[in-house]
Amino acid sequence: MANVVRAALVQATWTGDTESMIAKHEEHAREAARQGAKVIGFQEVFNAPYFCQVQEAEHYRWAEPVPDGPTVTRMQALARETGMVIVVPVFEVEQSGFYFNTAAVIDADGSYLGKYRKHHIPQVKGFWEKYYFKPGNVGWPVFDTAVGKVGVYICYDRHFPEGWRQLGLNGAQIVYNPSATSRGLSAYLWQLEQPAAAVANEYFIAAINRVGQEEYGDNDFYGTSYFVDPRGQFVGEPASDKAEELLVRDLDFGLIEEVRQQWAFYRDRRPDAYEGLVQP
């Protein structure tokens, strides 16, 4: 039986300041709601530039508490206004010296459901994230929302299959993957890894990438955001590789059970044989 969820994502260009960046996303969310969307997700650290192109202490200024900081509080009001579930990626400060790359999940009534903290932190040219972020320490939560069970995996995490699988085992029907990835580094992987993960774990994925160049480096964020279904097929066309875009797509969550019955990957798992995979 069909269980269609109208879902949205935003790939955005950096405006130059937090206030206008948040305001722009609020307008995208309102437009998504006008189109009937019930869930929306934004890109990695959506209210700031991708400052990890450099290693400078001044960029700690972008950090704020979750959930009690100004951005998440404002997104709670937006969720109440639009009646949408919202995935909100921000730079989180927990206490002095404790910083995380985080996404808050807010239900359609504005209630804060919890957070995911990025587990895998890169430290390579143009992506100096270990300078800013501690590795995530809140596990692989899946949030029971008004649209179903929503998980989050952030950017560099997508290269690691273990988290995708744990989110599936925890019941995810859709996983939002907010990212900031550049054209020269990984473009050919972008349309390979998330569809493969959607197939292996038999759920929907919303893959979100920034778009354009920003003032702190020469990374060329190539957009091309998309939704992919549990068969690994794009739901509609991916977004532009050059321009800001709001995508709204209908996702039939009934396909999840259909695929799991047909391919039966969860039935045929062998966790008893996998002990060596988690040895250091």
C-alpha atoms as a PDB file:
ATOM      1  CA  MET A   1       0.000   0.000   0.000  1.00  0.00           C
ATOM      2  CA  ALA A   2       1.387   3.394  -0.992  1.00  0.00           C
ATOM      3  CA  ASN A   3       2.610   5.700   1.739  1.00  0.00           C
ATOM      4  CA  VAL A   4       3.695   8.761  -0.204  1.00  0.00           C
ATOM      5  CA  VAL A   5       5.713  11.440   1.603  1.00  0.00           C
ATOM      6  CA  ARG A   6       6.412  14.711  -0.198  1.00  0.00           C
ATOM      7  CA  ALA A   7       9.977  15.614   0.758  1.00  0.00           C
ATOM      8  CA  ALA A   8      12.215  18.585   0.032  1.00  0.00           C
ATOM      9  CA  LEU A   9      15.856  19.586   0.175  1.00  0.00           C
ATOM     10  CA  VAL A  10      17.740  22.822  -0.467  1.00  0.00           C
ATOM     11  CA  GLN A  11      21.160  23.331  -2.055  1.00  0.00           C
ATOM     12  CA  ALA A  12      22.196  26.939  -1.541  1.00  0.00           C
ATOM     13  CA  THR A  13      24.869  29.484  -2.309  1.00  0.00           C
ATOM     14  CA  TRP A  14      26.474  31.365   0.585  1.00  0.00           C
ATOM     15  CA  THR A  15      25.022  34.862   0.990  1.00  0.00           C
ATOM     16  CA  GLY A  16      27.829  36.399   3.034  1.00  0.00           C
ATOM     17  CA  ASP A  17      26.143  36.535   6.462  1.00  0.00           C
ATOM     18  CA  THR A  18      24.169  34.284   8.767  1.00  0.00           C
ATOM     19  CA  GLU A  19      20.997  36.359   8.967  1.00  0.00           C
ATOM     20  CA  SER A  20      20.405  36.466   5.215  1.00  0.00           C
ATOM     21  CA  MET A  21      21.395  32.807   4.855  1.00  0.00           C
ATOM     22  CA  ILE A  22      18.817  31.718   7.423  1.00  0.00           C
ATOM     23  CA  ALA A  23      16.182  34.023   5.926  1.00  0.00           C
ATOM     24  CA  LYS A  24      16.795  32.525   2.489  1.00  0.00           C
ATOM     25  CA  HIS A  25      16.313  29.006   3.825  1.00  0.00           C
ATOM     26  CA  GLU A  26      13.139  30.058   5.595  1.00  0.00           C
ATOM     27  CA  GLU A  27      11.739  31.247   2.264  1.00  0.00           C
ATOM     28  CA  HIS A  28      12.735  27.998   0.568  1.00  0.00           C
ATOM     29  CA  ALA A  29      10.992  26.094   3.362  1.00  0.00           C
ATOM     30  CA  ARG A  30       7.835  28.171   2.982  1.00  0.00           C
ATOM     31  CA  GLU A  31       7.858  27.530  -0.758  1.00  0.00           C
ATOM     32  CA  ALA A  32       8.322  23.793  -0.142  1.00  0.00           C
ATOM     33  CA  ALA A  33       5.359  23.880   2.238  1.00  0.00           C
ATOM     34  CA  ARG A  34       3.272  25.672  -0.414  1.00  0.00           C
ATOM     35  CA  GLN A  35       4.144  22.790  -2.733  1.00  0.00           C
ATOM     36  CA  GLY A  36       2.909  20.318  -0.136  1.00  0.00           C
ATOM     37  CA  ALA A  37       6.226  19.114   1.318  1.00  0.00           C
ATOM     38  CA  LYS A  38       6.107  17.597   4.798  1.00  0.00           C
ATOM     39  CA  VAL A  39       9.848  17.260   5.464  1.00  0.00           C
ATOM     40  CA  ILE A  40      12.858  19.324   4.407  1.00  0.00           C
ATOM     41  CA  GLY A  41      16.607  19.216   4.968  1.00  0.00           C
ATOM     42  CA  PHE A  42      19.389  21.775   4.531  1.00  0.00           C
ATOM     43  CA  GLN A  43      23.093  21.456   3.624  1.00  0.00           C
ATOM     44  CA  GLU A  44      26.014  20.919   6.004  1.00  0.00           C
ATOM     45  CA  VAL A  45      26.464  23.863   8.445  1.00  0.00           C
ATOM     46  CA  PHE A  46      23.732  25.582   6.440  1.00  0.00           C
ATOM     47  CA  ASN A  47      23.790  28.949   8.259  1.00  0.00           C
ATOM     48  CA  ALA A  48      27.521  29.573   7.730  1.00  0.00           C
ATOM     49  CA  PRO A  49      30.132  29.410   4.994  1.00  0.00           C
ATOM     50  CA  TYR A  50      32.163  26.229   4.668  1.00  0.00           C
ATOM     51  CA  PHE A  51      34.902  27.715   6.861  1.00  0.00           C
ATOM     52  CA  CYS A  52      36.792  24.399   7.063  1.00  0.00           C
ATOM     53  CA  GLN A  53      38.682  25.363   3.920  1.00  0.00           C
ATOM     54  CA  VAL A  54      40.997  27.163   6.374  1.00  0.00           C
ATOM     55  CA  GLN A  55      42.209  26.600   9.944  1.00  0.00           C
ATOM     56  CA  GLU A  56      41.551  29.847  11.773  1.00  0.00           C
ATOM     57  CA  ALA A  57      40.282  30.300  15.327  1.00  0.00           C
ATOM     58  CA  GLU A  58      38.033  33.172  14.241  1.00  0.00           C
ATOM     59  CA  HIS A  59      35.618  30.629  12.747  1.00  0.00           C
ATOM     60  CA  TYR A  60      34.618  29.262  16.122  1.00  0.00           C
ATOM     61  CA  ARG A  61      32.285  32.253  16.135  1.00  0.00           C
ATOM     62  CA  TRP A  62      29.845  30.309  13.938  1.00  0.00           C
ATOM     63  CA  ALA A  63      29.207  27.765  16.717  1.00  0.00           C
ATOM     64  CA  GLU A  64      26.077  27.784  18.881  1.00  0.00           C
ATOM     65  CA  PRO A  65      24.299  25.478  21.325  1.00  0.00           C
ATOM     66  CA  VAL A  66      21.884  22.779  20.170  1.00  0.00           C
ATOM     67  CA  PRO A  67      18.975  22.905  20.800  1.00  0.00           C
ATOM     68  CA  ASP A  68      18.966  26.176  22.728  1.00  0.00           C
ATOM     69  CA  GLY A  69      20.898  28.311  20.258  1.00  0.00           C
ATOM     70  CA  PRO A  70      19.300  30.952  18.045  1.00  0.00           C
ATOM     71  CA  THR A  71      19.235  28.978  14.788  1.00  0.00           C
ATOM     72  CA  VAL A  72      17.579  25.812  16.081  1.00  0.00           C
ATOM     73  CA  THR A  73      15.102  27.885  18.102  1.00  0.00           C
ATOM     74  CA  ARG A  74      14.227  29.832  14.946  1.00  0.00           C
ATOM     75  CA  MET A  75      13.844  26.601  12.960  1.00  0.00           C
ATOM     76  CA  GLN A  76      11.450  25.276  15.609  1.00  0.00           C
ATOM     77  CA  ALA A  77       9.244  28.287  14.952  1.00  0.00           C
ATOM     78  CA  LEU A  78       9.524  27.655  11.206  1.00  0.00           C
ATOM     79  CA  ALA A  79       8.489  24.028  11.661  1.00  0.00           C
ATOM     80  CA  ARG A  80       5.420  25.113  13.611  1.00  0.00           C
ATOM     81  CA  GLU A  81       4.595  27.689  10.941  1.00  0.00           C
ATOM     82  CA  THR A  82       4.957  25.322   7.977  1.00  0.00           C
ATOM     83  CA  GLY A  83       3.933  22.020   9.561  1.00  0.00           C
ATOM     84  CA  MET A  84       7.117  20.402   8.236  1.00  0.00           C
ATOM     85  CA  VAL A  85       9.786  18.193   9.765  1.00  0.00           C
ATOM     86  CA  ILE A  86      13.126  20.049   9.394  1.00  0.00           C
ATOM     87  CA  VAL A  87      16.691  18.680   9.420  1.00  0.00           C
ATOM     88  CA  VAL A  88      18.956  21.542  10.584  1.00  0.00           C
ATOM     89  CA  PRO A  89      22.766  21.113  10.230  1.00  0.00           C
ATOM     90  CA  VAL A  90      24.813  23.575  12.326  1.00  0.00           C
ATOM     91  CA  PHE A  91      28.186  24.023  14.051  1.00  0.00           C
ATOM     92  CA  GLU A  92      27.482  23.050  17.660  1.00  0.00           C
ATOM     93  CA  VAL A  93      29.269  24.128  20.825  1.00  0.00           C
ATOM     94  CA  GLU A  94      28.407  21.894  23.778  1.00  0.00           C
ATOM     95  CA  GLN A  95      30.763  23.605  26.239  1.00  0.00           C
ATOM     96  CA  SER A  96      34.102  25.360  26.005  1.00  0.00           C
ATOM     97  CA  GLY A  97      36.403  23.222  23.850  1.00  0.00           C
ATOM     98  CA  PHE A  98      33.674  20.783  22.815  1.00  0.00           C
ATOM     99  CA  TYR A  99      32.563  21.445  19.247  1.00  0.00           C
ATOM    100  CA  PHE A 100      30.649  19.170  16.870  1.00  0.00           C
ATOM    101  CA  ASN A 101      29.363  19.066  13.307  1.00  0.00           C
ATOM    102  CA  THR A 102      25.712  18.490  14.156  1.00  0.00           C
ATOM    103  CA  ALA A 103      22.236  18.230  12.704  1.00  0.00           C
ATOM    104  CA  ALA A 104      19.145  18.865  14.819  1.00  0.00           C
ATOM    105  CA  VAL A 105      15.880  17.171  13.859  1.00  0.00           C
ATOM    106  CA  ILE A 106      12.687  19.105  14.523  1.00  0.00           C
ATOM    107  CA  ASP A 107       9.218  17.600  14.252  1.00  0.00           C
ATOM    108  CA  ALA A 108       6.332  19.164  12.337  1.00  0.00           C
ATOM    109  CA  ASP A 109       4.901  20.693  15.531  1.00  0.00           C
ATOM    110  CA  GLY A 110       8.187  22.449  16.309  1.00  0.00           C
ATOM    111  CA  SER A 111       9.329  20.023  18.967  1.00  0.00           C
ATOM    112  CA  TYR A 112      13.037  19.248  19.131  1.00  0.00           C
ATOM    113  CA  LEU A 113      13.519  15.490  18.709  1.00  0.00           C
ATOM    114  CA  GLY A 114      17.277  15.246  19.056  1.00  0.00           C
ATOM    115  CA  LYS A 115      20.573  15.568  17.248  1.00  0.00           C
ATOM    116  CA  TYR A 116      23.064  13.635  15.182  1.00  0.00           C
ATOM    117  CA  ARG A 117      26.780  14.444  15.447  1.00  0.00           C
ATOM    118  CA  LYS A 118      29.075  13.643  12.509  1.00  0.00           C
ATOM    119  CA  HIS A 119      31.200  10.601  13.330  1.00  0.00           C
ATOM    120  CA  HIS A 120      33.921  10.710  10.684  1.00  0.00           C
ATOM    121  CA  ILE A 121      35.941  13.932  10.583  1.00  0.00           C
ATOM    122  CA  PRO A 122      38.227  14.599   7.573  1.00  0.00           C
ATOM    123  CA  GLN A 123      41.545  16.430   7.709  1.00  0.00           C
ATOM    124  CA  VAL A 124      42.732  16.969   4.140  1.00  0.00           C
ATOM    125  CA  LYS A 125      43.417  20.036   1.996  1.00  0.00           C
ATOM    126  CA  GLY A 126      40.312  22.218   1.792  1.00  0.00           C
ATOM    127  CA  PHE A 127      38.499  20.129   4.432  1.00  0.00           C
ATOM    128  CA  TRP A 128      40.354  20.843   7.681  1.00  0.00           C
ATOM    129  CA  GLU A 129      37.553  19.648   9.942  1.00  0.00           C
ATOM    130  CA  LYS A 130      39.579  18.112  12.754  1.00  0.00           C
ATOM    131  CA  TYR A 131      40.705  21.640  13.601  1.00  0.00           C
ATOM    132  CA  TYR A 132      37.105  22.458  14.558  1.00  0.00           C
ATOM    133  CA  PHE A 133      35.103  19.304  15.342  1.00  0.00           C
ATOM    134  CA  LYS A 134      35.267  16.427  17.788  1.00  0.00           C
ATOM    135  CA  PRO A 135      34.000  13.080  16.445  1.00  0.00           C
ATOM    136  CA  GLY A 136      30.321  12.464  17.084  1.00  0.00           C
ATOM    137  CA  ASN A 137      29.384  10.667  20.288  1.00  0.00           C
ATOM    138  CA  VAL A 138      25.595  10.270  20.239  1.00  0.00           C
ATOM    139  CA  GLY A 139      25.409   7.108  18.149  1.00  0.00           C
ATOM    140  CA  TRP A 140      23.123   6.624  15.146  1.00  0.00           C
ATOM    141  CA  PRO A 141      19.724   7.963  16.226  1.00  0.00           C
ATOM    142  CA  VAL A 142      16.634   7.538  14.082  1.00  0.00           C
ATOM    143  CA  PHE A 143      13.869   9.999  14.876  1.00  0.00           C
ATOM    144  CA  ASP A 144      10.186   9.091  14.909  1.00  0.00           C
ATOM    145  CA  THR A 145       8.700  12.092  13.108  1.00  0.00           C
ATOM    146  CA  ALA A 146       5.368  13.104  11.630  1.00  0.00           C
ATOM    147  CA  VAL A 147       6.477  11.710   8.254  1.00  0.00           C
ATOM    148  CA  GLY A 148       8.138   8.533   9.461  1.00  0.00           C
ATOM    149  CA  LYS A 149      11.546   7.461  10.708  1.00  0.00           C
ATOM    150  CA  VAL A 150      14.274   9.955   9.771  1.00  0.00           C
ATOM    151  CA  GLY A 151      18.021   9.477  10.151  1.00  0.00           C
ATOM    152  CA  VAL A 152      20.988  11.748   9.414  1.00  0.00           C
ATOM    153  CA  TYR A 153      24.508  11.042   8.112  1.00  0.00           C
ATOM    154  CA  ILE A 154      26.767  14.051   7.424  1.00  0.00           C
ATOM    155  CA  CYS A 155      29.045  14.541   4.390  1.00  0.00           C
ATOM    156  CA  TYR A 156      32.313  12.575   4.892  1.00  0.00           C
ATOM    157  CA  ASP A 157      30.334   9.970   6.840  1.00  0.00           C
ATOM    158  CA  ARG A 158      28.926   8.766   3.517  1.00  0.00           C
ATOM    159  CA  HIS A 159      32.209   7.027   2.639  1.00  0.00           C
ATOM    160  CA  PHE A 160      31.769   4.659   5.598  1.00  0.00           C
ATOM    161  CA  PRO A 161      29.163   1.894   5.117  1.00  0.00           C
ATOM    162  CA  GLU A 162      28.887   1.010   8.790  1.00  0.00           C
ATOM    163  CA  GLY A 163      26.807   4.054   9.711  1.00  0.00           C
ATOM    164  CA  TRP A 164      24.438   3.630   6.774  1.00  0.00           C
ATOM    165  CA  ARG A 165      23.802   0.076   7.970  1.00  0.00           C
ATOM    166  CA  GLN A 166      23.295   1.060  11.596  1.00  0.00           C
ATOM    167  CA  LEU A 167      20.723   3.665  10.577  1.00  0.00           C
ATOM    168  CA  GLY A 168      18.885   0.958   8.652  1.00  0.00           C
ATOM    169  CA  LEU A 169      19.020  -1.411  11.597  1.00  0.00           C
ATOM    170  CA  ASN A 170      17.640   1.398  13.746  1.00  0.00           C
ATOM    171  CA  GLY A 171      14.618   1.671  11.462  1.00  0.00           C
ATOM    172  CA  ALA A 172      15.349   4.602   9.138  1.00  0.00           C
ATOM    173  CA  GLN A 173      12.988   5.080   6.204  1.00  0.00           C
ATOM    174  CA  ILE A 174      14.854   8.122   4.902  1.00  0.00           C
ATOM    175  CA  VAL A 175      18.334   9.387   5.699  1.00  0.00           C
ATOM    176  CA  TYR A 176      19.252  13.006   5.041  1.00  0.00           C
ATOM    177  CA  ASN A 177      22.927  13.411   4.082  1.00  0.00           C
ATOM    178  CA  PRO A 178      23.855  17.133   4.247  1.00  0.00           C
ATOM    179  CA  SER A 179      27.221  17.737   2.617  1.00  0.00           C
ATOM    180  CA  ALA A 180      29.823  20.197   1.352  1.00  0.00           C
ATOM    181  CA  THR A 181      31.870  18.460  -1.325  1.00  0.00           C
ATOM    182  CA  SER A 182      33.857  19.967  -4.171  1.00  0.00           C
ATOM    183  CA  ARG A 183      34.038  19.207  -7.856  1.00  0.00           C
ATOM    184  CA  GLY A 184      37.646  18.084  -8.181  1.00  0.00           C
ATOM    185  CA  LEU A 185      37.676  15.900  -5.069  1.00  0.00           C
ATOM    186  CA  SER A 186      34.752  13.512  -5.289  1.00  0.00           C
ATOM    187  CA  ALA A 187      32.268  14.399  -8.028  1.00  0.00           C
ATOM    188  CA  TYR A 188      32.355  10.951  -9.611  1.00  0.00           C
ATOM    189  CA  LEU A 189      31.622   9.346  -6.230  1.00  0.00           C
ATOM    190  CA  TRP A 190      28.629  11.602  -5.551  1.00  0.00           C
ATOM    191  CA  GLN A 191      26.174   9.734  -7.762  1.00  0.00           C
ATOM    192  CA  LEU A 192      27.662   6.349  -6.863  1.00  0.00           C
ATOM    193  CA  GLU A 193      27.926   6.093  -3.085  1.00  0.00           C
ATOM    194  CA  GLN A 194      24.494   7.224  -1.891  1.00  0.00           C
ATOM    195  CA  PRO A 195      22.531   5.181  -4.472  1.00  0.00           C
ATOM    196  CA  ALA A 196      24.641   2.161  -3.483  1.00  0.00           C
ATOM    197  CA  ALA A 197      23.927   2.829   0.195  1.00  0.00           C
ATOM    198  CA  ALA A 198      20.204   3.188  -0.543  1.00  0.00           C
ATOM    199  CA  VAL A 199      20.250  -0.230  -2.246  1.00  0.00           C
ATOM    200  CA  ALA A 200      22.351  -1.958   0.415  1.00  0.00           C
ATOM    201  CA  ASN A 201      20.197  -0.645   3.249  1.00  0.00           C
ATOM    202  CA  GLU A 202      16.846  -0.430   1.445  1.00  0.00           C
ATOM    203  CA  TYR A 203      15.691   3.047   2.342  1.00  0.00           C
ATOM    204  CA  PHE A 204      15.494   6.517   0.762  1.00  0.00           C
ATOM    205  CA  ILE A 205      18.400   8.973   0.880  1.00  0.00           C
ATOM    206  CA  ALA A 206      18.320  12.734   0.430  1.00  0.00           C
ATOM    207  CA  ALA A 207      21.816  13.736  -0.723  1.00  0.00           C
ATOM    208  CA  ILE A 208      22.414  17.488  -0.310  1.00  0.00           C
ATOM    209  CA  ASN A 209      25.478  19.402  -1.494  1.00  0.00           C
ATOM    210  CA  ARG A 210      26.412  23.082  -1.382  1.00  0.00           C
ATOM    211  CA  VAL A 211      26.752  24.925  -4.670  1.00  0.00           C
ATOM    212  CA  GLY A 212      29.203  27.605  -5.831  1.00  0.00           C
ATOM    213  CA  GLN A 213      32.484  28.998  -4.488  1.00  0.00           C
ATOM    214  CA  GLU A 214      32.964  30.843  -1.199  1.00  0.00           C
ATOM    215  CA  GLU A 215      35.469  33.328   0.161  1.00  0.00           C
ATOM    216  CA  TYR A 216      37.571  31.015   2.331  1.00  0.00           C
ATOM    217  CA  GLY A 217      39.035  28.833  -0.423  1.00  0.00           C
ATOM    218  CA  ASP A 218      38.798  27.565  -3.972  1.00  0.00           C
ATOM    219  CA  ASN A 219      36.511  24.572  -3.354  1.00  0.00           C
ATOM    220  CA  ASP A 220      33.916  24.458  -6.136  1.00  0.00           C
ATOM    221  CA  PHE A 221      30.807  22.984  -4.538  1.00  0.00           C
ATOM    222  CA  TYR A 222      28.919  21.291  -7.346  1.00  0.00           C
ATOM    223  CA  GLY A 223      25.383  20.887  -6.037  1.00  0.00           C
ATOM    224  CA  THR A 224      23.729  18.019  -7.931  1.00  0.00           C
ATOM    225  CA  SER A 225      21.595  17.226  -4.880  1.00  0.00           C
ATOM    226  CA  TYR A 226      19.036  14.465  -5.263  1.00  0.00           C
ATOM    227  CA  PHE A 227      16.665  11.938  -3.747  1.00  0.00           C
ATOM    228  CA  VAL A 228      17.334   8.250  -4.367  1.00  0.00           C
ATOM    229  CA  ASP A 229      14.985   5.336  -3.666  1.00  0.00           C
ATOM    230  CA  PRO A 230      15.659   1.879  -2.157  1.00  0.00           C
ATOM    231  CA  ARG A 231      16.290   0.477  -5.648  1.00  0.00           C
ATOM    232  CA  GLY A 232      19.076   3.016  -6.178  1.00  0.00           C
ATOM    233  CA  GLN A 233      17.069   5.044  -8.694  1.00  0.00           C
ATOM    234  CA  PHE A 234      16.898   8.844  -8.657  1.00  0.00           C
ATOM    235  CA  VAL A 235      13.483  10.247  -7.783  1.00  0.00           C
ATOM    236  CA  GLY A 236      13.205  12.857 -10.496  1.00  0.00           C
ATOM    237  CA  GLU A 237      16.262  14.631 -11.871  1.00  0.00           C
ATOM    238  CA  PRO A 238      19.149  15.759  -9.642  1.00  0.00           C
ATOM    239  CA  ALA A 239      19.536  19.478  -9.034  1.00  0.00           C
ATOM    240  CA  SER A 240      21.800  21.790 -11.013  1.00  0.00           C
ATOM    241  CA  ASP A 241      25.573  21.589 -10.609  1.00  0.00           C
ATOM    242  CA  LYS A 242      25.885  25.370 -10.691  1.00  0.00           C
ATOM    243  CA  ALA A 243      22.761  27.041  -9.288  1.00  0.00           C
ATOM    244  CA  GLU A 244      20.851  27.196  -6.032  1.00  0.00           C
ATOM    245  CA  GLU A 245      17.782  24.965  -6.083  1.00  0.00           C
ATOM    246  CA  LEU A 246      14.871  23.660  -4.047  1.00  0.00           C
ATOM    247  CA  LEU A 247      13.914  20.071  -4.862  1.00  0.00           C
ATOM    248  CA  VAL A 248      10.484  18.688  -3.943  1.00  0.00           C
ATOM    249  CA  ARG A 249       9.805  15.023  -4.641  1.00  0.00           C
ATOM    250  CA  ASP A 250       7.171  12.422  -3.805  1.00  0.00           C
ATOM    251  CA  LEU A 251       8.676   9.392  -2.046  1.00  0.00           C
ATOM    252  CA  ASP A 252       6.632   6.203  -1.776  1.00  0.00           C
ATOM    253  CA  PHE A 253       7.690   4.717   1.538  1.00  0.00           C
ATOM    254  CA  GLY A 254       5.682   1.613   0.611  1.00  0.00           C
ATOM    255  CA  LEU A 255       8.563   0.762  -1.717  1.00  0.00           C
ATOM    256  CA  ILE A 256      10.790   0.102   1.303  1.00  0.00           C
ATOM    257  CA  GLU A 257       8.823  -2.949   2.414  1.00  0.00           C
ATOM    258  CA  GLU A 258       8.419  -4.114  -1.170  1.00  0.00           C
ATOM    259  CA  VAL A 259      12.176  -4.039  -1.768  1.00  0.00           C
ATOM    260  CA  ARG A 260      12.985  -5.636   1.584  1.00  0.00           C
ATOM    261  CA  GLN A 261      10.694  -8.533   0.799  1.00  0.00           C
ATOM    262  CA  GLN A 262      12.092  -8.931  -2.710  1.00  0.00           C
ATOM    263  CA  TRP A 263      15.825  -8.568  -2.003  1.00  0.00           C
ATOM    264  CA  ALA A 264      15.810  -9.686   1.644  1.00  0.00           C
ATOM    265  CA  PHE A 265      19.206  -8.242   2.484  1.00  0.00           C
ATOM    266  CA  TYR A 266      18.333  -7.832   6.159  1.00  0.00           C
ATOM    267  CA  ARG A 267      17.215 -11.463   6.383  1.00  0.00           C
ATOM    268  CA  ASP A 268      20.507 -12.686   4.951  1.00  0.00           C
ATOM    269  CA  ARG A 269      22.869 -10.601   7.071  1.00  0.00           C
ATOM    270  CA  ARG A 270      25.502 -12.548   9.027  1.00  0.00           C
ATOM    271  CA  PRO A 271      26.323 -10.467  12.111  1.00  0.00           C
ATOM    272  CA  ASP A 272      27.759 -13.603  13.722  1.00  0.00           C
ATOM    273  CA  ALA A 273      30.498 -13.532  11.055  1.00  0.00           C
ATOM    274  CA  TYR A 274      31.313  -9.808  11.214  1.00  0.00           C
ATOM    275  CA  GLU A 275      33.231  -9.550  14.482  1.00  0.00           C
ATOM    276  CA  GLY A 276      36.518  -8.802  12.718  1.00  0.00           C
ATOM    277  CA  LEU A 277      35.058  -5.727  11.032  1.00  0.00           C
ATOM    278  CA  VAL A 278      35.095  -3.752  14.267  1.00  0.00           C
ATOM    279  CA  GLN A 279      38.544  -4.673  15.505  1.00  0.00           C
ATOM    280  CA  PRO A 280      40.962  -1.711  15.554  1.00  0.00           C
END
